[in-house]
Amino acid sequence: MHFDNQQVIPAARTVKQFDEIIASPFDYIVLLEVHISLLMSLKREAQRHGKKLIIHADLIHGLKTDNFAADFLCNDIRPAGIISTRSNMLMKAKARGIMAIQRVFLIDTIALEKSYSMIETAQPDYIELLPGIIPTMIQEIHERTQIPVITGGLVRTVDNIEEALAGGAIAVTTSNRQLWENFKK
């Protein structure tokens, strides 16, 4: 059972949005674009409210994506999951029992082939496919990698969410509050 069958995963770009998500019924939440100095307090707040925090390592201000950053996130913060484009970050997360989510950008065939190579190296638990509005690619990537796919990016309507799920995504991430509140599945 992926993400406890949660099909929309709210993503917070700001502390204010984080506070809104904390008050929501969602169990899994994604943290984007906050300063490194806030990570521990936000992790504690998420735990206090029974939330499972997934941190997007590449977007945390003041945090590099090197091995020291991976050690800090995995050993000191210990989120439920880490999203990254970096294999080193994901391999450390997996080694520490933290959910590893490989972010893949659909730019062109060359970028996709490079992503397949990185996925083979990192063996993430999930792939986050961006943009999330190309449902025809979800099945292809899942079939090739045998790794469950979540999507995100440029998701603007409930129809976008439904199309991604119908295309084979197990969940959709979005920072659009109206979408988390209006999606009823």
C-alpha atoms as a PDB file:
ATOM      1  CA  MET A   1       0.000   0.000   0.000  1.00  0.00           C
ATOM      2  CA  HIS A   2       1.678   3.192  -1.189  1.00  0.00           C
ATOM      3  CA  PHE A   3       1.423   6.311   0.963  1.00  0.00           C
ATOM      4  CA  ASP A   4      -1.434   4.639   2.868  1.00  0.00           C
ATOM      5  CA  ASN A   5      -3.527   5.038  -0.313  1.00  0.00           C
ATOM      6  CA  GLN A   6      -3.166   8.828  -0.149  1.00  0.00           C
ATOM      7  CA  GLN A   7      -3.462   9.909  -3.793  1.00  0.00           C
ATOM      8  CA  VAL A   8      -2.702  13.607  -3.348  1.00  0.00           C
ATOM      9  CA  ILE A   9       0.369  14.614  -1.370  1.00  0.00           C
ATOM     10  CA  PRO A  10       0.312  18.289  -0.361  1.00  0.00           C
ATOM     11  CA  ALA A  11       3.602  20.138  -0.830  1.00  0.00           C
ATOM     12  CA  ALA A  12       4.506  23.195   1.265  1.00  0.00           C
ATOM     13  CA  ARG A  13       6.609  25.943  -0.282  1.00  0.00           C
ATOM     14  CA  THR A  14       6.389  28.188   2.789  1.00  0.00           C
ATOM     15  CA  VAL A  15       6.027  27.844   6.546  1.00  0.00           C
ATOM     16  CA  LYS A  16       2.522  29.286   6.243  1.00  0.00           C
ATOM     17  CA  GLN A  17       1.586  26.560   3.766  1.00  0.00           C
ATOM     18  CA  PHE A  18       3.204  23.994   6.064  1.00  0.00           C
ATOM     19  CA  ASP A  19       0.948  25.193   8.900  1.00  0.00           C
ATOM     20  CA  GLU A  20      -2.103  24.811   6.629  1.00  0.00           C
ATOM     21  CA  ILE A  21      -1.104  21.275   5.685  1.00  0.00           C
ATOM     22  CA  ILE A  22      -0.452  20.326   9.309  1.00  0.00           C
ATOM     23  CA  ALA A  23      -4.106  21.133  10.014  1.00  0.00           C
ATOM     24  CA  SER A  24      -5.262  18.975   7.075  1.00  0.00           C
ATOM     25  CA  PRO A  25      -6.283  15.305   7.169  1.00  0.00           C
ATOM     26  CA  PHE A  26      -3.331  14.233   4.977  1.00  0.00           C
ATOM     27  CA  ASP A  27      -0.762  11.867   6.517  1.00  0.00           C
ATOM     28  CA  TYR A  28       2.084  12.414   4.039  1.00  0.00           C
ATOM     29  CA  ILE A  29       3.335  15.901   3.248  1.00  0.00           C
ATOM     30  CA  VAL A  30       6.226  17.272   1.185  1.00  0.00           C
ATOM     31  CA  LEU A  31       8.436  20.122   2.337  1.00  0.00           C
ATOM     32  CA  LEU A  32       9.933  22.381  -0.346  1.00  0.00           C
ATOM     33  CA  GLU A  33      11.990  25.587  -0.335  1.00  0.00           C
ATOM     34  CA  VAL A  34      12.465  26.264   3.381  1.00  0.00           C
ATOM     35  CA  HIS A  35      15.697  27.244   5.093  1.00  0.00           C
ATOM     36  CA  ILE A  36      17.859  24.505   6.561  1.00  0.00           C
ATOM     37  CA  SER A  37      17.590  26.129  10.012  1.00  0.00           C
ATOM     38  CA  LEU A  38      13.842  25.323  10.101  1.00  0.00           C
ATOM     39  CA  LEU A  39      14.098  21.629   9.262  1.00  0.00           C
ATOM     40  CA  MET A  40      14.322  20.244  12.798  1.00  0.00           C
ATOM     41  CA  SER A  41      11.480  22.347  14.186  1.00  0.00           C
ATOM     42  CA  LEU A  42       9.245  21.583  11.186  1.00  0.00           C
ATOM     43  CA  LYS A  43      10.033  17.868  11.501  1.00  0.00           C
ATOM     44  CA  ARG A  44       9.058  17.968  15.202  1.00  0.00           C
ATOM     45  CA  GLU A  45       5.847  19.844  14.405  1.00  0.00           C
ATOM     46  CA  ALA A  46       4.958  17.316  11.706  1.00  0.00           C
ATOM     47  CA  GLN A  47       5.568  14.448  14.152  1.00  0.00           C
ATOM     48  CA  ARG A  48       3.486  16.159  16.837  1.00  0.00           C
ATOM     49  CA  HIS A  49       0.563  16.190  14.385  1.00  0.00           C
ATOM     50  CA  GLY A  50       1.141  12.614  13.201  1.00  0.00           C
ATOM     51  CA  LYS A  51       2.372  13.659   9.748  1.00  0.00           C
ATOM     52  CA  LYS A  52       4.967  11.791   7.711  1.00  0.00           C
ATOM     53  CA  LEU A  53       7.352  14.400   6.334  1.00  0.00           C
ATOM     54  CA  ILE A  54       9.016  14.022   2.947  1.00  0.00           C
ATOM     55  CA  ILE A  55      11.795  16.553   2.366  1.00  0.00           C
ATOM     56  CA  HIS A  56      12.808  17.707  -1.084  1.00  0.00           C
ATOM     57  CA  ALA A  57      16.559  17.854  -0.439  1.00  0.00           C
ATOM     58  CA  ASP A  58      17.446  19.723  -3.638  1.00  0.00           C
ATOM     59  CA  LEU A  59      15.194  22.672  -2.739  1.00  0.00           C
ATOM     60  CA  ILE A  60      16.166  23.285   0.901  1.00  0.00           C
ATOM     61  CA  HIS A  61      17.853  26.695   1.171  1.00  0.00           C
ATOM     62  CA  GLY A  62      21.357  26.481   2.618  1.00  0.00           C
ATOM     63  CA  LEU A  63      21.679  22.733   2.011  1.00  0.00           C
ATOM     64  CA  LYS A  64      23.967  21.270  -0.629  1.00  0.00           C
ATOM     65  CA  THR A  65      23.196  17.891  -2.126  1.00  0.00           C
ATOM     66  CA  ASP A  66      26.564  16.373  -1.259  1.00  0.00           C
ATOM     67  CA  ASN A  67      27.276  13.434   1.056  1.00  0.00           C
ATOM     68  CA  PHE A  68      27.503  15.690   4.122  1.00  0.00           C
ATOM     69  CA  ALA A  69      23.986  16.979   3.417  1.00  0.00           C
ATOM     70  CA  ALA A  70      22.754  13.430   2.899  1.00  0.00           C
ATOM     71  CA  ASP A  71      24.261  12.404   6.252  1.00  0.00           C
ATOM     72  CA  PHE A  72      22.680  15.422   7.972  1.00  0.00           C
ATOM     73  CA  LEU A  73      19.220  14.687   6.576  1.00  0.00           C
ATOM     74  CA  CYS A  74      19.404  10.948   7.192  1.00  0.00           C
ATOM     75  CA  ASN A  75      21.038  11.010  10.631  1.00  0.00           C
ATOM     76  CA  ASP A  76      19.838  14.246  12.225  1.00  0.00           C
ATOM     77  CA  ILE A  77      16.477  15.066  10.624  1.00  0.00           C
ATOM     78  CA  ARG A  78      15.312  11.525   9.726  1.00  0.00           C
ATOM     79  CA  PRO A  79      12.248  12.368   7.626  1.00  0.00           C
ATOM     80  CA  ALA A  80       9.885   9.686   6.346  1.00  0.00           C
ATOM     81  CA  GLY A  81      11.224  10.329   2.863  1.00  0.00           C
ATOM     82  CA  ILE A  82      13.682  12.292   0.763  1.00  0.00           C
ATOM     83  CA  ILE A  83      13.098  13.527  -2.772  1.00  0.00           C
ATOM     84  CA  SER A  84      16.171  14.303  -4.867  1.00  0.00           C
ATOM     85  CA  THR A  85      17.622  14.185  -8.349  1.00  0.00           C
ATOM     86  CA  ARG A  86      20.921  13.015  -6.812  1.00  0.00           C
ATOM     87  CA  SER A  87      21.769   9.327  -6.604  1.00  0.00           C
ATOM     88  CA  ASN A  88      24.093   9.798  -3.612  1.00  0.00           C
ATOM     89  CA  MET A  89      21.282  11.380  -1.577  1.00  0.00           C
ATOM     90  CA  LEU A  90      18.878   8.581  -2.442  1.00  0.00           C
ATOM     91  CA  MET A  91      21.321   5.752  -1.811  1.00  0.00           C
ATOM     92  CA  LYS A  92      22.115   7.144   1.658  1.00  0.00           C
ATOM     93  CA  ALA A  93      18.404   7.503   2.404  1.00  0.00           C
ATOM     94  CA  LYS A  94      17.723   3.895   1.392  1.00  0.00           C
ATOM     95  CA  ALA A  95      20.683   2.660   3.441  1.00  0.00           C
ATOM     96  CA  ARG A  96      19.198   4.417   6.502  1.00  0.00           C
ATOM     97  CA  GLY A  97      15.682   3.044   5.963  1.00  0.00           C
ATOM     98  CA  ILE A  98      14.276   6.349   4.687  1.00  0.00           C
ATOM     99  CA  MET A  99      11.966   6.374   1.665  1.00  0.00           C
ATOM    100  CA  ALA A 100      13.956   7.456  -1.413  1.00  0.00           C
ATOM    101  CA  ILE A 101      12.139   9.275  -4.216  1.00  0.00           C
ATOM    102  CA  GLN A 102      14.044   9.992  -7.449  1.00  0.00           C
ATOM    103  CA  ARG A 103      12.847  13.183  -9.134  1.00  0.00           C
ATOM    104  CA  VAL A 104      12.872  12.890 -12.923  1.00  0.00           C
ATOM    105  CA  PHE A 105      12.273  15.744 -15.338  1.00  0.00           C
ATOM    106  CA  LEU A 106      10.745  14.906 -18.725  1.00  0.00           C
ATOM    107  CA  ILE A 107      12.705  17.270 -20.925  1.00  0.00           C
ATOM    108  CA  ASP A 108      13.616  15.103 -23.886  1.00  0.00           C
ATOM    109  CA  THR A 109      14.673  11.545 -24.750  1.00  0.00           C
ATOM    110  CA  ILE A 110      18.325  12.124 -23.821  1.00  0.00           C
ATOM    111  CA  ALA A 111      17.400  13.396 -20.341  1.00  0.00           C
ATOM    112  CA  LEU A 112      15.020  10.476 -19.887  1.00  0.00           C
ATOM    113  CA  GLU A 113      17.711   7.947 -20.810  1.00  0.00           C
ATOM    114  CA  LYS A 114      20.135   9.579 -18.336  1.00  0.00           C
ATOM    115  CA  SER A 115      17.416   9.373 -15.698  1.00  0.00           C
ATOM    116  CA  TYR A 116      16.968   5.655 -16.366  1.00  0.00           C
ATOM    117  CA  SER A 117      20.688   5.180 -15.771  1.00  0.00           C
ATOM    118  CA  MET A 118      20.529   7.111 -12.487  1.00  0.00           C
ATOM    119  CA  ILE A 119      17.450   5.132 -11.409  1.00  0.00           C
ATOM    120  CA  GLU A 120      19.313   1.894 -12.069  1.00  0.00           C
ATOM    121  CA  THR A 121      22.156   3.112  -9.854  1.00  0.00           C
ATOM    122  CA  ALA A 122      20.066   4.532  -6.994  1.00  0.00           C
ATOM    123  CA  GLN A 123      17.213   1.991  -7.058  1.00  0.00           C
ATOM    124  CA  PRO A 124      14.780   4.455  -5.428  1.00  0.00           C
ATOM    125  CA  ASP A 125      11.557   3.365  -3.751  1.00  0.00           C
ATOM    126  CA  TYR A 126       9.551   5.742  -5.945  1.00  0.00           C
ATOM    127  CA  ILE A 127      10.024   7.971  -8.967  1.00  0.00           C
ATOM    128  CA  GLU A 128       8.530  11.465  -9.008  1.00  0.00           C
ATOM    129  CA  LEU A 129       7.875  12.402 -12.616  1.00  0.00           C
ATOM    130  CA  LEU A 130       7.741  16.060 -13.660  1.00  0.00           C
ATOM    131  CA  PRO A 131       5.791  17.581 -15.164  1.00  0.00           C
ATOM    132  CA  GLY A 132       2.868  15.621 -13.831  1.00  0.00           C
ATOM    133  CA  ILE A 133       0.652  16.411 -16.774  1.00  0.00           C
ATOM    134  CA  ILE A 134       2.064  13.853 -19.206  1.00  0.00           C
ATOM    135  CA  PRO A 135       0.144  10.735 -18.184  1.00  0.00           C
ATOM    136  CA  THR A 136       1.210   8.762 -21.248  1.00  0.00           C
ATOM    137  CA  MET A 137       4.780   8.609 -19.897  1.00  0.00           C
ATOM    138  CA  ILE A 138       3.823   7.283 -16.452  1.00  0.00           C
ATOM    139  CA  GLN A 139       3.099   3.737 -17.607  1.00  0.00           C
ATOM    140  CA  GLU A 140       6.177   3.607 -19.853  1.00  0.00           C
ATOM    141  CA  ILE A 141       8.497   4.635 -17.016  1.00  0.00           C
ATOM    142  CA  HIS A 142       6.863   2.260 -14.538  1.00  0.00           C
ATOM    143  CA  GLU A 143       7.092  -0.649 -16.996  1.00  0.00           C
ATOM    144  CA  ARG A 144      10.756   0.018 -17.716  1.00  0.00           C
ATOM    145  CA  THR A 145      11.834   0.535 -14.092  1.00  0.00           C
ATOM    146  CA  GLN A 146       9.270  -1.535 -12.152  1.00  0.00           C
ATOM    147  CA  ILE A 147       9.248   1.327  -9.607  1.00  0.00           C
ATOM    148  CA  PRO A 148       5.979   3.039  -8.573  1.00  0.00           C
ATOM    149  CA  VAL A 149       5.564   6.528 -10.042  1.00  0.00           C
ATOM    150  CA  ILE A 150       4.216   9.672  -8.429  1.00  0.00           C
ATOM    151  CA  THR A 151       3.834  12.882 -10.421  1.00  0.00           C
ATOM    152  CA  GLY A 152       3.975  16.597  -9.755  1.00  0.00           C
ATOM    153  CA  GLY A 153       4.639  19.909 -11.420  1.00  0.00           C
ATOM    154  CA  LEU A 154       2.248  21.967 -13.530  1.00  0.00           C
ATOM    155  CA  VAL A 155      -0.707  20.105 -11.991  1.00  0.00           C
ATOM    156  CA  ARG A 156      -3.417  22.763 -12.076  1.00  0.00           C
ATOM    157  CA  THR A 157      -6.769  20.984 -12.092  1.00  0.00           C
ATOM    158  CA  VAL A 158      -8.553  18.015 -10.560  1.00  0.00           C
ATOM    159  CA  ASP A 159      -8.699  16.639 -14.117  1.00  0.00           C
ATOM    160  CA  ASN A 160      -4.859  16.731 -14.222  1.00  0.00           C
ATOM    161  CA  ILE A 161      -4.797  14.643 -11.026  1.00  0.00           C
ATOM    162  CA  GLU A 162      -7.371  12.174 -12.320  1.00  0.00           C
ATOM    163  CA  GLU A 163      -5.529  11.811 -15.649  1.00  0.00           C
ATOM    164  CA  ALA A 164      -2.215  11.145 -13.883  1.00  0.00           C
ATOM    165  CA  LEU A 165      -3.813   8.541 -11.612  1.00  0.00           C
ATOM    166  CA  ALA A 166      -5.597   6.935 -14.577  1.00  0.00           C
ATOM    167  CA  GLY A 167      -2.228   6.898 -16.381  1.00  0.00           C
ATOM    168  CA  GLY A 168      -0.741   4.786 -13.597  1.00  0.00           C
ATOM    169  CA  ALA A 169       0.567   7.255 -11.019  1.00  0.00           C
ATOM    170  CA  ILE A 170       0.076   6.101  -7.442  1.00  0.00           C
ATOM    171  CA  ALA A 171      -0.065   9.695  -6.152  1.00  0.00           C
ATOM    172  CA  VAL A 172       0.249  13.331  -7.252  1.00  0.00           C
ATOM    173  CA  THR A 173       2.159  16.046  -5.379  1.00  0.00           C
ATOM    174  CA  THR A 174       0.895  19.617  -5.498  1.00  0.00           C
ATOM    175  CA  SER A 175       1.379  22.871  -3.625  1.00  0.00           C
ATOM    176  CA  ASN A 176      -2.062  24.077  -4.777  1.00  0.00           C
ATOM    177  CA  ARG A 177      -4.273  24.047  -1.688  1.00  0.00           C
ATOM    178  CA  GLN A 178      -7.500  24.088  -3.705  1.00  0.00           C
ATOM    179  CA  LEU A 179      -6.450  20.853  -5.376  1.00  0.00           C
ATOM    180  CA  TRP A 180      -5.711  19.049  -2.105  1.00  0.00           C
ATOM    181  CA  GLU A 181      -9.032  20.173  -0.674  1.00  0.00           C
ATOM    182  CA  ASN A 182     -11.108  19.503  -3.805  1.00  0.00           C
ATOM    183  CA  PHE A 183      -9.737  16.101  -4.769  1.00  0.00           C
ATOM    184  CA  LYS A 184     -12.040  13.581  -3.136  1.00  0.00           C
ATOM    185  CA  LYS A 185     -10.498  10.186  -3.864  1.00  0.00           C
END
